[in-house]
Amino acid sequence: MVPRRQDLMGLEHEDYLWEPIRHIDNVRIQFLEEEIEYYNTLIEDRNCGHIHTTIDFLRQRIKNLAGKKEWPFVK
């Protein structure tokens, strides 16, 4: 049974029904972008190198999920 449009829980893309992996990656990307926004609020003048490192790592992960870069930690 295909859900009706009003049952899609506010998701913008209907094609997720046919491409579940792509949908999951889009949700992950959205979550990671929200995390980056939050981490940016934590940056202060000093002692925040670990936050910058985390943000850079998350940006690389987003590129991977978007298909723009190969994930280096795959065997």
Protein backbone atom coordinates (compact mmCIF):
# COMPACT_ATOMS: atom_id res chain seq x y z
CA MET A 1 0.00 0.00 0.00
CA VAL A 2 1.40 3.39 -1.01
CA PRO A 3 0.82 6.10 1.61
CA ARG A 4 -1.31 9.09 0.66
CA ARG A 5 0.42 12.46 0.32
CA GLN A 6 -0.99 13.70 3.64
CA ASP A 7 0.50 10.62 5.37
CA LEU A 8 4.09 11.42 4.36
CA MET A 9 4.80 13.12 7.73
CA GLY A 10 5.94 16.41 6.22
CA LEU A 11 8.76 14.97 4.12
CA GLU A 12 9.41 17.08 1.03
CA HIS A 13 10.37 14.30 -1.36
CA GLU A 14 7.89 11.68 -2.49
CA ASP A 15 10.59 9.75 -4.36
CA TYR A 16 11.87 8.45 -1.01
CA LEU A 17 9.27 5.72 -1.35
CA TRP A 18 11.26 4.35 -4.27
CA GLU A 19 14.74 5.17 -3.06
CA PRO A 20 14.90 4.45 0.68
CA ILE A 21 18.70 4.63 0.87
CA ARG A 22 18.74 8.07 -0.72
CA HIS A 23 16.06 9.21 1.71
CA ILE A 24 18.04 7.96 4.69
CA ASP A 25 21.14 9.77 3.42
CA ASN A 26 19.13 12.98 3.00
CA VAL A 27 17.93 12.70 6.60
CA ARG A 28 21.50 12.11 7.75
CA ILE A 29 22.72 15.14 5.80
CA GLN A 30 20.00 17.32 7.31
CA PHE A 31 20.87 16.11 10.81
CA LEU A 32 24.60 16.70 10.29
CA GLU A 33 23.96 20.21 8.93
CA GLU A 34 21.92 21.00 12.05
CA GLU A 35 24.74 19.66 14.23
CA ILE A 36 27.25 21.89 12.41
CA GLU A 37 25.03 24.91 13.04
CA TYR A 38 24.95 24.04 16.75
CA TYR A 39 28.71 23.45 16.97
CA ASN A 40 29.30 26.83 15.34
CA THR A 41 27.50 28.44 18.29
CA LEU A 42 30.01 26.85 20.67
CA ILE A 43 33.11 28.39 19.07
CA GLU A 44 34.91 30.88 21.28
CA ASP A 45 38.13 32.86 20.91
CA ARG A 46 40.34 30.15 22.46
CA ASN A 47 40.62 26.42 22.98
CA CYS A 48 38.10 25.38 20.33
CA GLY A 49 40.28 23.41 17.95
CA HIS A 50 38.40 20.21 18.74
CA ILE A 51 35.15 21.88 17.66
CA HIS A 52 36.70 23.03 14.37
CA THR A 53 38.00 19.50 13.80
CA THR A 54 34.54 18.05 14.44
CA ILE A 55 32.91 20.51 12.05
CA ASP A 56 35.43 19.70 9.31
CA PHE A 57 34.87 15.97 9.82
CA LEU A 58 31.09 16.39 9.59
CA ARG A 59 31.44 18.45 6.40
CA GLN A 60 33.48 15.64 4.84
CA ARG A 61 30.81 13.15 5.89
CA ILE A 62 28.13 15.30 4.24
CA LYS A 63 30.14 15.36 1.01
CA ASN A 64 30.37 11.59 1.18
CA LEU A 65 26.65 11.11 1.73
CA ALA A 66 25.90 13.51 -1.12
CA GLY A 67 28.07 11.39 -3.42
CA LYS A 68 30.71 14.06 -3.96
CA LYS A 69 33.55 12.29 -2.19
CA GLU A 70 34.49 8.70 -1.37
CA TRP A 71 34.39 7.79 2.32
CA PRO A 72 37.98 6.98 3.33
CA PHE A 73 37.11 4.56 6.15
CA VAL A 74 35.60 1.80 4.03
CA LYS A 75 37.56 -1.44 3.76
